[in-house]
C-alpha atoms as a PDB file:
ATOM      1  CA  MET A   1      81.791  67.651 -16.696  1.00  0.00           C
ATOM      2  CA  SER A   2      82.028  68.796 -20.314  1.00  0.00           C
ATOM      3  CA  GLU A   3      80.002  65.644 -21.449  1.00  0.00           C
ATOM      4  CA  VAL A   4      77.111  63.694 -20.212  1.00  0.00           C
ATOM      5  CA  SER A   5      77.377  59.790 -20.620  1.00  0.00           C
ATOM      6  CA  VAL A   6      75.230  58.255 -23.361  1.00  0.00           C
ATOM      7  CA  ALA A   7      73.202  54.878 -22.007  1.00  0.00           C
ATOM      8  CA  ASP A   8      71.315  52.793 -24.385  1.00  0.00           C
ATOM      9  CA  VAL A   9      69.921  49.073 -24.658  1.00  0.00           C
ATOM     10  CA  ASN A  10      72.864  48.146 -26.241  1.00  0.00           C
ATOM     11  CA  GLY A  11      75.717  49.490 -24.502  1.00  0.00           C
ATOM     12  CA  ILE A  12      77.492  52.548 -23.136  1.00  0.00           C
ATOM     13  CA  VAL A  13      80.213  55.687 -23.526  1.00  0.00           C
ATOM     14  CA  TYR A  14      82.006  57.036 -21.161  1.00  0.00           C
ATOM     15  CA  GLU A  15      84.995  59.516 -20.775  1.00  0.00           C
ATOM     16  CA  PRO A  16      87.011  58.745 -17.851  1.00  0.00           C
ATOM     17  CA  VAL A  17      89.039  62.372 -16.068  1.00  0.00           C
ATOM     18  CA  ARG A  18      92.240  61.703 -17.652  1.00  0.00           C
ATOM     19  CA  GLY A  19      91.982  59.682 -21.569  1.00  0.00           C
ATOM     20  CA  PRO A  20      89.940  59.097 -24.441  1.00  0.00           C
ATOM     21  CA  LYS A  21      86.785  58.031 -24.441  1.00  0.00           C
ATOM     22  CA  TRP A  22      85.819  54.252 -24.277  1.00  0.00           C
ATOM     23  CA  LYS A  23      82.852  52.686 -25.196  1.00  0.00           C
ATOM     24  CA  ILE A  24      81.110  49.324 -24.699  1.00  0.00           C
ATOM     25  CA  GLU A  25      78.424  47.564 -26.839  1.00  0.00           C
ATOM     26  CA  PHE A  26      76.368  44.626 -27.069  1.00  0.00           C
ATOM     27  CA  GLU A  27      75.517  43.030 -30.161  1.00  0.00           C
ATOM     28  CA  PRO A  28      72.949  40.113 -29.958  1.00  0.00           C
ATOM     29  CA  ARG A  29      73.999  36.766 -31.732  1.00  0.00           C
ATOM     30  CA  SER A  30      71.581  34.623 -33.499  1.00  0.00           C
ATOM     31  CA  ASP A  31      72.338  31.657 -30.752  1.00  0.00           C
ATOM     32  CA  GLY A  32      70.582  34.167 -27.529  1.00  0.00           C
ATOM     33  CA  SER A  33      73.725  35.010 -26.011  1.00  0.00           C
ATOM     34  CA  PHE A  34      75.868  38.223 -26.507  1.00  0.00           C
ATOM     35  CA  GLU A  35      79.093  39.539 -28.224  1.00  0.00           C
ATOM     36  CA  ARG A  36      80.664  42.500 -25.859  1.00  0.00           C
ATOM     37  CA  ILE A  37      82.552  44.939 -27.885  1.00  0.00           C
ATOM     38  CA  GLU A  38      85.122  47.234 -26.555  1.00  0.00           C
ATOM     39  CA  ALA A  39      85.980  50.151 -28.100  1.00  0.00           C
ATOM     40  CA  VAL A  40      88.348  53.461 -27.752  1.00  0.00           C
ATOM     41  CA  TRP A  41      88.130  56.735 -29.266  1.00  0.00           C
ATOM     42  CA  ASN A  42      91.293  57.539 -30.952  1.00  0.00           C
ATOM     43  CA  GLY A  43      89.682  60.878 -32.488  1.00  0.00           C
ATOM     44  CA  CYS A  44      88.921  60.440 -35.712  1.00  0.00           C
ATOM     45  CA  GLN A  45      86.769  56.791 -35.197  1.00  0.00           C
ATOM     46  CA  TRP A  46      86.457  54.197 -32.541  1.00  0.00           C
ATOM     47  CA  ARG A  47      89.477  51.109 -32.016  1.00  0.00           C
ATOM     48  CA  ILE A  48      88.087  48.099 -31.319  1.00  0.00           C
ATOM     49  CA  THR A  49      90.053  46.923 -28.339  1.00  0.00           C
ATOM     50  CA  GLY A  50      88.351  43.133 -27.435  1.00  0.00           C
ATOM     51  CA  ARG A  51      85.847  41.166 -27.968  1.00  0.00           C
ATOM     52  CA  GLU A  52      84.437  38.676 -26.197  1.00  0.00           C
ATOM     53  CA  VAL A  53      80.793  35.720 -26.158  1.00  0.00           C
ATOM     54  CA  VAL A  54      78.488  37.107 -22.997  1.00  0.00           C
ATOM     55  CA  THR A  55      75.836  34.110 -21.806  1.00  0.00           C
ATOM     56  CA  THR A  56      74.188  36.396 -18.610  1.00  0.00           C
ATOM     57  CA  MET A  57      73.647  39.831 -18.651  1.00  0.00           C
ATOM     58  CA  ARG A  58      71.306  41.264 -15.525  1.00  0.00           C
ATOM     59  CA  ARG A  59      70.691  44.841 -14.268  1.00  0.00           C
ATOM     60  CA  ILE A  60      72.734  46.008 -11.259  1.00  0.00           C
END
């Protein structure tokens, strides 16, 4: 593995065996929920591929 996955309180970045890097972030919202933002690395920058509001999160 050439690169270690990065994890922090806001999300993760992971690199599949085949294909580009992916990033999932959780941005806090004013109502106490979070916005999940999914993005793919295109070689130059992150391109957002999806968003949704998440009301509950927990560690597994």
